[in-house]
Amino acid sequence: MGVQSPSVKLVLSFDLKAGTQQVYYQFMISQFVPAVQKMGLQMSDAWHTVYGKGPSRSAGFVGPDLLTMRQLLAGTEWRELESRLQEYAENYTWKIVPLRDGFQL
């Protein structure tokens, strides 16, 4: 019996470019999220900042372990999705963190 690696979370943070909100939502719902789920990640949360500093959007996707997450993010499919997302986003960043309960930025 091997030791199971802990789950990890990919946290995307960005601001929406002016005038892209409607096409951004359509892209996320119809293309981005389904493609990421097909890659084996599950969306865990999505946040919109209404007041204060910080990115206007944050989204979390859970993966089984760090190695798998890194392999997915190095792949052509992810790079193409990320490139499309950046058509609607500015100040875009991402990070991989250990999965824990609650909000993670």
PDB file of N, CA and C in Angstrom:
ATOM      1  N   MET A   1       0.841  -1.170   0.000  1.00  0.00           N
ATOM      2  CA  MET A   1       0.000   0.000   0.000  1.00  0.00           C
ATOM      3  C   MET A   1       0.892   1.241   0.000  1.00  0.00           C
ATOM      4  N   GLY A   2       0.775   2.088  -1.059  1.00  0.00           N
ATOM      5  CA  GLY A   2       1.607   3.276  -1.188  1.00  0.00           C
ATOM      6  C   GLY A   2       1.002   4.466  -0.468  1.00  0.00           C
ATOM      7  N   VAL A   3       1.811   5.494  -0.339  1.00  0.00           N
ATOM      8  CA  VAL A   3       1.354   6.732   0.274  1.00  0.00           C
ATOM      9  C   VAL A   3       0.697   7.586  -0.809  1.00  0.00           C
ATOM     10  N   GLN A   4      -0.515   8.021  -0.562  1.00  0.00           N
ATOM     11  CA  GLN A   4      -1.235   8.831  -1.537  1.00  0.00           C
ATOM     12  C   GLN A   4      -0.798  10.287  -1.412  1.00  0.00           C
ATOM     13  N   SER A   5      -0.502  10.904  -2.563  1.00  0.00           N
ATOM     14  CA  SER A   5      -0.129  12.312  -2.579  1.00  0.00           C
ATOM     15  C   SER A   5      -1.344  13.172  -2.259  1.00  0.00           C
ATOM     16  N   PRO A   6      -1.129  14.289  -1.581  1.00  0.00           N
ATOM     17  CA  PRO A   6      -2.263  15.156  -1.262  1.00  0.00           C
ATOM     18  C   PRO A   6      -2.797  15.865  -2.507  1.00  0.00           C
ATOM     19  N   SER A   7      -4.072  16.151  -2.496  1.00  0.00           N
ATOM     20  CA  SER A   7      -4.679  16.892  -3.588  1.00  0.00           C
ATOM     21  C   SER A   7      -4.140  18.323  -3.599  1.00  0.00           C
ATOM     22  N   VAL A   8      -4.144  18.914  -4.795  1.00  0.00           N
ATOM     23  CA  VAL A   8      -3.674  20.282  -4.951  1.00  0.00           C
ATOM     24  C   VAL A   8      -4.742  21.100  -5.668  1.00  0.00           C
ATOM     25  N   LYS A   9      -4.575  22.403  -5.604  1.00  0.00           N
ATOM     26  CA  LYS A   9      -5.534  23.306  -6.224  1.00  0.00           C
ATOM     27  C   LYS A   9      -4.790  24.297  -7.108  1.00  0.00           C
ATOM     28  N   LEU A  10      -5.291  24.462  -8.309  1.00  0.00           N
ATOM     29  CA  LEU A  10      -4.807  25.483  -9.223  1.00  0.00           C
ATOM     30  C   LEU A  10      -5.690  26.710  -9.019  1.00  0.00           C
ATOM     31  N   VAL A  11      -5.082  27.834  -8.657  1.00  0.00           N
ATOM     32  CA  VAL A  11      -5.821  29.066  -8.425  1.00  0.00           C
ATOM     33  C   VAL A  11      -5.463  30.060  -9.527  1.00  0.00           C
ATOM     34  N   LEU A  12      -6.460  30.441 -10.308  1.00  0.00           N
ATOM     35  CA  LEU A  12      -6.295  31.437 -11.359  1.00  0.00           C
ATOM     36  C   LEU A  12      -6.827  32.769 -10.830  1.00  0.00           C
ATOM     37  N   SER A  13      -6.094  33.848 -11.067  1.00  0.00           N
ATOM     38  CA  SER A  13      -6.525  35.180 -10.641  1.00  0.00           C
ATOM     39  C   SER A  13      -6.297  36.156 -11.783  1.00  0.00           C
ATOM     40  N   PHE A  14      -7.266  37.036 -12.004  1.00  0.00           N
ATOM     41  CA  PHE A  14      -7.139  37.996 -13.093  1.00  0.00           C
ATOM     42  C   PHE A  14      -8.227  39.054 -13.001  1.00  0.00           C
ATOM     43  N   ASP A  15      -8.052  40.095 -13.808  1.00  0.00           N
ATOM     44  CA  ASP A  15      -9.065  41.117 -14.000  1.00  0.00           C
ATOM     45  C   ASP A  15      -9.621  40.945 -15.401  1.00  0.00           C
ATOM     46  N   LEU A  16     -10.897  41.200 -15.568  1.00  0.00           N
ATOM     47  CA  LEU A  16     -11.491  41.140 -16.899  1.00  0.00           C
ATOM     48  C   LEU A  16     -11.145  42.414 -17.663  1.00  0.00           C
ATOM     49  N   LYS A  17     -10.826  42.248 -18.942  1.00  0.00           N
ATOM     50  CA  LYS A  17     -10.621  43.403 -19.807  1.00  0.00           C
ATOM     51  C   LYS A  17     -11.971  44.079 -20.015  1.00  0.00           C
ATOM     52  N   ALA A  18     -11.938  45.386 -20.148  1.00  0.00           N
ATOM     53  CA  ALA A  18     -13.170  46.154 -20.346  1.00  0.00           C
ATOM     54  C   ALA A  18     -13.920  45.655 -21.576  1.00  0.00           C
ATOM     55  N   GLY A  19     -15.227  45.507 -21.413  1.00  0.00           N
ATOM     56  CA  GLY A  19     -16.088  45.130 -22.521  1.00  0.00           C
ATOM     57  C   GLY A  19     -16.093  43.664 -22.905  1.00  0.00           C
ATOM     58  N   THR A  20     -15.482  42.808 -22.080  1.00  0.00           N
ATOM     59  CA  THR A  20     -15.400  41.388 -22.429  1.00  0.00           C
ATOM     60  C   THR A  20     -16.255  40.486 -21.545  1.00  0.00           C
ATOM     61  N   GLN A  21     -17.000  41.048 -20.618  1.00  0.00           N
ATOM     62  CA  GLN A  21     -17.696  40.237 -19.621  1.00  0.00           C
ATOM     63  C   GLN A  21     -18.611  39.185 -20.239  1.00  0.00           C
ATOM     64  N   GLN A  22     -19.441  39.540 -21.192  1.00  0.00           N
ATOM     65  CA  GLN A  22     -20.394  38.589 -21.771  1.00  0.00           C
ATOM     66  C   GLN A  22     -19.690  37.466 -22.521  1.00  0.00           C
ATOM     67  N   VAL A  23     -18.709  37.789 -23.374  1.00  0.00           N
ATOM     68  CA  VAL A  23     -18.008  36.740 -24.125  1.00  0.00           C
ATOM     69  C   VAL A  23     -17.133  35.899 -23.194  1.00  0.00           C
ATOM     70  N   TYR A  24     -16.626  36.510 -22.131  1.00  0.00           N
ATOM     71  CA  TYR A  24     -15.855  35.769 -21.121  1.00  0.00           C
ATOM     72  C   TYR A  24     -16.732  34.688 -20.479  1.00  0.00           C
ATOM     73  N   TYR A  25     -17.918  35.070 -20.030  1.00  0.00           N
ATOM     74  CA  TYR A  25     -18.818  34.098 -19.399  1.00  0.00           C
ATOM     75  C   TYR A  25     -19.183  32.980 -20.362  1.00  0.00           C
ATOM     76  N   GLN A  26     -19.479  33.322 -21.587  1.00  0.00           N
ATOM     77  CA  GLN A  26     -19.811  32.300 -22.580  1.00  0.00           C
ATOM     78  C   GLN A  26     -18.635  31.341 -22.784  1.00  0.00           C
ATOM     79  N   PHE A  27     -17.433  31.880 -22.880  1.00  0.00           N
ATOM     80  CA  PHE A  27     -16.237  31.052 -23.047  1.00  0.00           C
ATOM     81  C   PHE A  27     -16.027  30.139 -21.846  1.00  0.00           C
ATOM     82  N   MET A  28     -16.121  30.693 -20.647  1.00  0.00           N
ATOM     83  CA  MET A  28     -15.883  29.897 -19.439  1.00  0.00           C
ATOM     84  C   MET A  28     -16.879  28.750 -19.311  1.00  0.00           C
ATOM     85  N   ILE A  29     -18.151  29.046 -19.516  1.00  0.00           N
ATOM     86  CA  ILE A  29     -19.201  28.046 -19.313  1.00  0.00           C
ATOM     87  C   ILE A  29     -19.222  26.997 -20.416  1.00  0.00           C
ATOM     88  N   SER A  30     -19.069  27.424 -21.655  1.00  0.00           N
ATOM     89  CA  SER A  30     -19.225  26.475 -22.761  1.00  0.00           C
ATOM     90  C   SER A  30     -17.932  25.792 -23.192  1.00  0.00           C
ATOM     91  N   GLN A  31     -16.778  26.405 -22.890  1.00  0.00           N
ATOM     92  CA  GLN A  31     -15.533  25.832 -23.386  1.00  0.00           C
ATOM     93  C   GLN A  31     -14.481  25.566 -22.303  1.00  0.00           C
ATOM     94  N   PHE A  32     -14.112  26.596 -21.541  1.00  0.00           N
ATOM     95  CA  PHE A  32     -12.997  26.466 -20.607  1.00  0.00           C
ATOM     96  C   PHE A  32     -13.250  25.411 -19.540  1.00  0.00           C
ATOM     97  N   VAL A  33     -14.325  25.584 -18.775  1.00  0.00           N
ATOM     98  CA  VAL A  33     -14.594  24.652 -17.664  1.00  0.00           C
ATOM     99  C   VAL A  33     -14.790  23.220 -18.161  1.00  0.00           C
ATOM    100  N   PRO A  34     -15.595  22.980 -19.208  1.00  0.00           N
ATOM    101  CA  PRO A  34     -15.721  21.596 -19.694  1.00  0.00           C
ATOM    102  C   PRO A  34     -14.384  20.997 -20.153  1.00  0.00           C
ATOM    103  N   ALA A  35     -13.547  21.788 -20.800  1.00  0.00           N
ATOM    104  CA  ALA A  35     -12.249  21.275 -21.260  1.00  0.00           C
ATOM    105  C   ALA A  35     -11.330  20.945 -20.090  1.00  0.00           C
ATOM    106  N   VAL A  36     -11.318  21.798 -19.077  1.00  0.00           N
ATOM    107  CA  VAL A  36     -10.481  21.548 -17.898  1.00  0.00           C
ATOM    108  C   VAL A  36     -10.978  20.306 -17.155  1.00  0.00           C
ATOM    109  N   GLN A  37     -12.293  20.135 -17.076  1.00  0.00           N
ATOM    110  CA  GLN A  37     -12.838  18.943 -16.431  1.00  0.00           C
ATOM    111  C   GLN A  37     -12.485  17.686 -17.227  1.00  0.00           C
ATOM    112  N   LYS A  38     -12.497  17.785 -18.528  1.00  0.00           N
ATOM    113  CA  LYS A  38     -12.111  16.651 -19.370  1.00  0.00           C
ATOM    114  C   LYS A  38     -10.638  16.286 -19.156  1.00  0.00           C
ATOM    115  N   MET A  39      -9.825  17.288 -18.802  1.00  0.00           N
ATOM    116  CA  MET A  39      -8.410  17.045 -18.520  1.00  0.00           C
ATOM    117  C   MET A  39      -8.212  16.359 -17.168  1.00  0.00           C
ATOM    118  N   GLY A  40      -9.264  16.302 -16.348  1.00  0.00           N
ATOM    119  CA  GLY A  40      -9.178  15.616 -15.063  1.00  0.00           C
ATOM    120  C   GLY A  40      -9.198  16.514 -13.848  1.00  0.00           C
ATOM    121  N   LEU A  41      -9.406  17.811 -14.038  1.00  0.00           N
ATOM    122  CA  LEU A  41      -9.491  18.734 -12.911  1.00  0.00           C
ATOM    123  C   LEU A  41     -10.955  19.058 -12.658  1.00  0.00           C
ATOM    124  N   GLN A  42     -11.281  19.356 -11.409  1.00  0.00           N
ATOM    125  CA  GLN A  42     -12.652  19.706 -11.049  1.00  0.00           C
ATOM    126  C   GLN A  42     -12.685  21.139 -10.526  1.00  0.00           C
ATOM    127  N   MET A  43     -13.601  21.923 -11.063  1.00  0.00           N
ATOM    128  CA  MET A  43     -13.737  23.290 -10.573  1.00  0.00           C
ATOM    129  C   MET A  43     -14.246  23.248  -9.144  1.00  0.00           C
ATOM    130  N   SER A  44     -13.576  23.959  -8.267  1.00  0.00           N
ATOM    131  CA  SER A  44     -13.959  23.953  -6.857  1.00  0.00           C
ATOM    132  C   SER A  44     -14.651  25.238  -6.443  1.00  0.00           C
ATOM    133  N   ASP A  45     -14.295  26.341  -7.077  1.00  0.00           N
ATOM    134  CA  ASP A  45     -14.877  27.609  -6.688  1.00  0.00           C
ATOM    135  C   ASP A  45     -14.567  28.680  -7.732  1.00  0.00           C
ATOM    136  N   ALA A  46     -15.361  29.730  -7.710  1.00  0.00           N
ATOM    137  CA  ALA A  46     -15.142  30.907  -8.541  1.00  0.00           C
ATOM    138  C   ALA A  46     -15.568  32.118  -7.718  1.00  0.00           C
ATOM    139  N   TRP A  47     -14.764  33.159  -7.774  1.00  0.00           N
ATOM    140  CA  TRP A  47     -15.018  34.334  -6.948  1.00  0.00           C
ATOM    141  C   TRP A  47     -14.970  35.595  -7.797  1.00  0.00           C
ATOM    142  N   HIS A  48     -15.785  36.559  -7.421  1.00  0.00           N
ATOM    143  CA  HIS A  48     -15.789  37.882  -8.042  1.00  0.00           C
ATOM    144  C   HIS A  48     -15.579  38.902  -6.924  1.00  0.00           C
ATOM    145  N   THR A  49     -14.553  39.746  -7.052  1.00  0.00           N
ATOM    146  CA  THR A  49     -14.284  40.773  -6.061  1.00  0.00           C
ATOM    147  C   THR A  49     -15.090  42.013  -6.412  1.00  0.00           C
ATOM    148  N   VAL A  50     -15.956  42.412  -5.512  1.00  0.00           N
ATOM    149  CA  VAL A  50     -16.812  43.565  -5.741  1.00  0.00           C
ATOM    150  C   VAL A  50     -16.202  44.815  -5.123  1.00  0.00           C
ATOM    151  N   TYR A  51     -15.544  44.657  -3.997  1.00  0.00           N
ATOM    152  CA  TYR A  51     -15.035  45.805  -3.271  1.00  0.00           C
ATOM    153  C   TYR A  51     -13.637  45.500  -2.758  1.00  0.00           C
ATOM    154  N   GLY A  52     -12.742  46.461  -2.840  1.00  0.00           N
ATOM    155  CA  GLY A  52     -11.401  46.306  -2.305  1.00  0.00           C
ATOM    156  C   GLY A  52     -10.385  45.977  -3.380  1.00  0.00           C
ATOM    157  N   LYS A  53      -9.177  45.778  -2.929  1.00  0.00           N
ATOM    158  CA  LYS A  53      -8.075  45.487  -3.836  1.00  0.00           C
ATOM    159  C   LYS A  53      -8.023  43.992  -4.144  1.00  0.00           C
ATOM    160  N   GLY A  54      -7.334  43.686  -5.206  1.00  0.00           N
ATOM    161  CA  GLY A  54      -7.180  42.288  -5.590  1.00  0.00           C
ATOM    162  C   GLY A  54      -7.785  42.048  -6.949  1.00  0.00           C
ATOM    163  N   PRO A  55      -7.572  40.878  -7.482  1.00  0.00           N
ATOM    164  CA  PRO A  55      -8.105  40.563  -8.805  1.00  0.00           C
ATOM    165  C   PRO A  55      -9.632  40.513  -8.785  1.00  0.00           C
ATOM    166  N   SER A  56     -10.232  40.898  -9.917  1.00  0.00           N
ATOM    167  CA  SER A  56     -11.698  40.886  -9.966  1.00  0.00           C
ATOM    168  C   SER A  56     -12.257  39.474 -10.059  1.00  0.00           C
ATOM    169  N   ARG A  57     -11.452  38.524 -10.571  1.00  0.00           N
ATOM    170  CA  ARG A  57     -11.904  37.142 -10.708  1.00  0.00           C
ATOM    171  C   ARG A  57     -10.842  36.191 -10.153  1.00  0.00           C
ATOM    172  N   SER A  58     -11.321  35.156  -9.504  1.00  0.00           N
ATOM    173  CA  SER A  58     -10.468  34.049  -9.061  1.00  0.00           C
ATOM    174  C   SER A  58     -11.251  32.765  -9.289  1.00  0.00           C
ATOM    175  N   ALA A  59     -10.553  31.728  -9.708  1.00  0.00           N
ATOM    176  CA  ALA A  59     -11.192  30.432  -9.924  1.00  0.00           C
ATOM    177  C   ALA A  59     -10.245  29.340  -9.456  1.00  0.00           C
ATOM    178  N   GLY A  60     -10.804  28.307  -8.856  1.00  0.00           N
ATOM    179  CA  GLY A  60     -10.007  27.201  -8.354  1.00  0.00           C
ATOM    180  C   GLY A  60     -10.382  25.891  -9.021  1.00  0.00           C
ATOM    181  N   PHE A  61      -9.361  25.101  -9.320  1.00  0.00           N
ATOM    182  CA  PHE A  61      -9.546  23.781  -9.929  1.00  0.00           C
ATOM    183  C   PHE A  61      -8.707  22.775  -9.152  1.00  0.00           C
ATOM    184  N   VAL A  62      -9.319  21.685  -8.734  1.00  0.00           N
ATOM    185  CA  VAL A  62      -8.656  20.687  -7.901  1.00  0.00           C
ATOM    186  C   VAL A  62      -8.140  19.536  -8.758  1.00  0.00           C
ATOM    187  N   GLY A  63      -6.909  19.136  -8.465  1.00  0.00           N
ATOM    188  CA  GLY A  63      -6.298  17.999  -9.128  1.00  0.00           C
ATOM    189  C   GLY A  63      -5.818  16.986  -8.106  1.00  0.00           C
ATOM    190  N   PRO A  64      -5.514  15.772  -8.562  1.00  0.00           N
ATOM    191  CA  PRO A  64      -5.186  14.698  -7.632  1.00  0.00           C
ATOM    192  C   PRO A  64      -3.854  14.868  -6.903  1.00  0.00           C
ATOM    193  N   ASP A  65      -2.852  15.464  -7.568  1.00  0.00           N
ATOM    194  CA  ASP A  65      -1.551  15.612  -6.942  1.00  0.00           C
ATOM    195  C   ASP A  65      -0.709  16.601  -7.743  1.00  0.00           C
ATOM    196  N   LEU A  66       0.413  17.014  -7.170  1.00  0.00           N
ATOM    197  CA  LEU A  66       1.268  18.026  -7.775  1.00  0.00           C
ATOM    198  C   LEU A  66       1.850  17.575  -9.116  1.00  0.00           C
ATOM    199  N   LEU A  67       2.312  16.348  -9.204  1.00  0.00           N
ATOM    200  CA  LEU A  67       2.902  15.845 -10.443  1.00  0.00           C
ATOM    201  C   LEU A  67       1.889  15.868 -11.588  1.00  0.00           C
ATOM    202  N   THR A  68       0.696  15.379 -11.336  1.00  0.00           N
ATOM    203  CA  THR A  68      -0.345  15.385 -12.359  1.00  0.00           C
ATOM    204  C   THR A  68      -0.677  16.810 -12.779  1.00  0.00           C
ATOM    205  N   MET A  69      -0.808  17.712 -11.815  1.00  0.00           N
ATOM    206  CA  MET A  69      -1.129  19.101 -12.117  1.00  0.00           C
ATOM    207  C   MET A  69      -0.040  19.717 -12.994  1.00  0.00           C
ATOM    208  N   ARG A  70       1.199  19.501 -12.646  1.00  0.00           N
ATOM    209  CA  ARG A  70       2.305  20.057 -13.444  1.00  0.00           C
ATOM    210  C   ARG A  70       2.311  19.494 -14.859  1.00  0.00           C
ATOM    211  N   GLN A  71       2.017  18.216 -14.998  1.00  0.00           N
ATOM    212  CA  GLN A  71       1.968  17.604 -16.332  1.00  0.00           C
ATOM    213  C   GLN A  71       0.844  18.210 -17.170  1.00  0.00           C
ATOM    214  N   LEU A  72      -0.314  18.415 -16.560  1.00  0.00           N
ATOM    215  CA  LEU A  72      -1.433  19.019 -17.279  1.00  0.00           C
ATOM    216  C   LEU A  72      -1.106  20.446 -17.723  1.00  0.00           C
ATOM    217  N   LEU A  73      -0.481  21.212 -16.833  1.00  0.00           N
ATOM    218  CA  LEU A  73      -0.168  22.607 -17.146  1.00  0.00           C
ATOM    219  C   LEU A  73       0.957  22.739 -18.173  1.00  0.00           C
ATOM    220  N   ALA A  74       1.716  21.698 -18.368  1.00  0.00           N
ATOM    221  CA  ALA A  74       2.779  21.712 -19.376  1.00  0.00           C
ATOM    222  C   ALA A  74       2.268  21.286 -20.749  1.00  0.00           C
ATOM    223  N   GLY A  75       1.041  20.801 -20.808  1.00  0.00           N
ATOM    224  CA  GLY A  75       0.497  20.259 -22.048  1.00  0.00           C
ATOM    225  C   GLY A  75      -0.033  21.310 -23.005  1.00  0.00           C
ATOM    226  N   THR A  76      -0.104  20.936 -24.259  1.00  0.00           N
ATOM    227  CA  THR A  76      -0.592  21.810 -25.320  1.00  0.00           C
ATOM    228  C   THR A  76      -2.038  22.241 -25.079  1.00  0.00           C
ATOM    229  N   GLU A  77      -2.882  21.316 -24.644  1.00  0.00           N
ATOM    230  CA  GLU A  77      -4.294  21.636 -24.433  1.00  0.00           C
ATOM    231  C   GLU A  77      -4.452  22.757 -23.410  1.00  0.00           C
ATOM    232  N   TRP A  78      -3.725  22.668 -22.286  1.00  0.00           N
ATOM    233  CA  TRP A  78      -3.811  23.712 -21.268  1.00  0.00           C
ATOM    234  C   TRP A  78      -3.300  25.044 -21.814  1.00  0.00           C
ATOM    235  N   ARG A  79      -2.172  25.025 -22.499  1.00  0.00           N
ATOM    236  CA  ARG A  79      -1.601  26.268 -23.015  1.00  0.00           C
ATOM    237  C   ARG A  79      -2.556  26.954 -23.983  1.00  0.00           C
ATOM    238  N   GLU A  80      -3.273  26.178 -24.790  1.00  0.00           N
ATOM    239  CA  GLU A  80      -4.256  26.757 -25.715  1.00  0.00           C
ATOM    240  C   GLU A  80      -5.438  27.362 -24.954  1.00  0.00           C
ATOM    241  N   LEU A  81      -5.931  26.659 -23.942  1.00  0.00           N
ATOM    242  CA  LEU A  81      -7.029  27.198 -23.131  1.00  0.00           C
ATOM    243  C   LEU A  81      -6.603  28.470 -22.403  1.00  0.00           C
ATOM    244  N   GLU A  82      -5.425  28.436 -21.841  1.00  0.00           N
ATOM    245  CA  GLU A  82      -4.916  29.589 -21.110  1.00  0.00           C
ATOM    246  C   GLU A  82      -4.753  30.796 -22.044  1.00  0.00           C
ATOM    247  N   SER A  83      -4.284  30.563 -23.243  1.00  0.00           N
ATOM    248  CA  SER A  83      -4.125  31.626 -24.229  1.00  0.00           C
ATOM    249  C   SER A  83      -5.481  32.243 -24.577  1.00  0.00           C
ATOM    250  N   ARG A  84      -6.490  31.409 -24.749  1.00  0.00           N
ATOM    251  CA  ARG A  84      -7.839  31.909 -25.037  1.00  0.00           C
ATOM    252  C   ARG A  84      -8.390  32.713 -23.853  1.00  0.00           C
ATOM    253  N   LEU A  85      -8.166  32.222 -22.640  1.00  0.00           N
ATOM    254  CA  LEU A  85      -8.618  32.940 -21.457  1.00  0.00           C
ATOM    255  C   LEU A  85      -7.988  34.329 -21.397  1.00  0.00           C
ATOM    256  N   GLN A  86      -6.730  34.429 -21.761  1.00  0.00           N
ATOM    257  CA  GLN A  86      -6.024  35.701 -21.679  1.00  0.00           C
ATOM    258  C   GLN A  86      -6.515  36.711 -22.723  1.00  0.00           C
ATOM    259  N   GLU A  87      -7.336  36.282 -23.659  1.00  0.00           N
ATOM    260  CA  GLU A  87      -7.974  37.228 -24.573  1.00  0.00           C
ATOM    261  C   GLU A  87      -8.961  38.114 -23.811  1.00  0.00           C
ATOM    262  N   TYR A  88      -9.467  37.616 -22.680  1.00  0.00           N
ATOM    263  CA  TYR A  88     -10.461  38.331 -21.875  1.00  0.00           C
ATOM    264  C   TYR A  88      -9.890  38.836 -20.559  1.00  0.00           C
ATOM    265  N   ALA A  89      -8.678  38.434 -20.229  1.00  0.00           N
ATOM    266  CA  ALA A  89      -8.112  38.712 -18.914  1.00  0.00           C
ATOM    267  C   ALA A  89      -6.843  39.553 -19.005  1.00  0.00           C
ATOM    268  N   GLU A  90      -6.631  40.330 -17.964  1.00  0.00           N
ATOM    269  CA  GLU A  90      -5.364  41.034 -17.792  1.00  0.00           C
ATOM    270  C   GLU A  90      -4.934  40.846 -16.343  1.00  0.00           C
ATOM    271  N   ASN A  91      -3.672  41.126 -16.065  1.00  0.00           N
ATOM    272  CA  ASN A  91      -3.116  40.886 -14.730  1.00  0.00           C
ATOM    273  C   ASN A  91      -3.317  39.422 -14.326  1.00  0.00           C
ATOM    274  N   TYR A  92      -3.162  38.535 -15.278  1.00  0.00           N
ATOM    275  CA  TYR A  92      -3.412  37.101 -15.098  1.00  0.00           C
ATOM    276  C   TYR A  92      -2.251  36.438 -14.358  1.00  0.00           C
ATOM    277  N   THR A  93      -2.565  35.675 -13.348  1.00  0.00           N
ATOM    278  CA  THR A  93      -1.573  34.866 -12.638  1.00  0.00           C
ATOM    279  C   THR A  93      -2.212  33.530 -12.268  1.00  0.00           C
ATOM    280  N   TRP A  94      -1.372  32.556 -11.989  1.00  0.00           N
ATOM    281  CA  TRP A  94      -1.862  31.284 -11.472  1.00  0.00           C
ATOM    282  C   TRP A  94      -0.829  30.741 -10.500  1.00  0.00           C
ATOM    283  N   LYS A  95      -1.300  29.874  -9.629  1.00  0.00           N
ATOM    284  CA  LYS A  95      -0.396  29.180  -8.704  1.00  0.00           C
ATOM    285  C   LYS A  95      -1.038  27.870  -8.303  1.00  0.00           C
ATOM    286  N   ILE A  96      -0.200  26.959  -7.870  1.00  0.00           N
ATOM    287  CA  ILE A  96      -0.643  25.665  -7.352  1.00  0.00           C
ATOM    288  C   ILE A  96      -0.420  25.679  -5.852  1.00  0.00           C
ATOM    289  N   VAL A  97      -1.462  25.354  -5.103  1.00  0.00           N
ATOM    290  CA  VAL A  97      -1.373  25.340  -3.645  1.00  0.00           C
ATOM    291  C   VAL A  97      -1.917  24.014  -3.122  1.00  0.00           C
ATOM    292  N   PRO A  98      -1.485  23.614  -1.915  1.00  0.00           N
ATOM    293  CA  PRO A  98      -2.107  22.421  -1.304  1.00  0.00           C
ATOM    294  C   PRO A  98      -3.587  22.686  -1.074  1.00  0.00           C
ATOM    295  N   LEU A  99      -4.411  21.724  -1.334  1.00  0.00           N
ATOM    296  CA  LEU A  99      -5.856  21.873  -1.152  1.00  0.00           C
ATOM    297  C   LEU A  99      -6.190  21.943   0.332  1.00  0.00           C
ATOM    298  N   ARG A 100      -6.993  22.926   0.669  1.00  0.00           N
ATOM    299  CA  ARG A 100      -7.517  23.043   2.032  1.00  0.00           C
ATOM    300  C   ARG A 100      -8.928  23.611   1.946  1.00  0.00           C
ATOM    301  N   ASP A 101      -9.670  23.528   3.000  1.00  0.00           N
ATOM    302  CA  ASP A 101     -11.030  24.060   3.032  1.00  0.00           C
ATOM    303  C   ASP A 101     -10.994  25.582   3.013  1.00  0.00           C
ATOM    304  N   GLY A 102     -12.023  26.178   2.459  1.00  0.00           N
ATOM    305  CA  GLY A 102     -12.167  27.633   2.495  1.00  0.00           C
ATOM    306  C   GLY A 102     -11.541  28.324   1.300  1.00  0.00           C
ATOM    307  N   PHE A 103     -11.625  29.636   1.317  1.00  0.00           N
ATOM    308  CA  PHE A 103     -11.132  30.487   0.254  1.00  0.00           C
ATOM    309  C   PHE A 103      -9.610  30.417   0.169  1.00  0.00           C
ATOM    310  N   GLN A 104      -9.098  30.290  -1.025  1.00  0.00           N
ATOM    311  CA  GLN A 104      -7.648  30.283  -1.245  1.00  0.00           C
ATOM    312  C   GLN A 104      -7.336  31.233  -2.391  1.00  0.00           C
ATOM    313  N   LEU A 105      -6.468  32.206  -2.127  1.00  0.00           N
ATOM    314  CA  LEU A 105      -6.066  33.142  -3.169  1.00  0.00           C
ATOM    315  C   LEU A 105      -4.573  33.102  -3.338  1.00  0.00           C
TER     316      LEU A 105
END
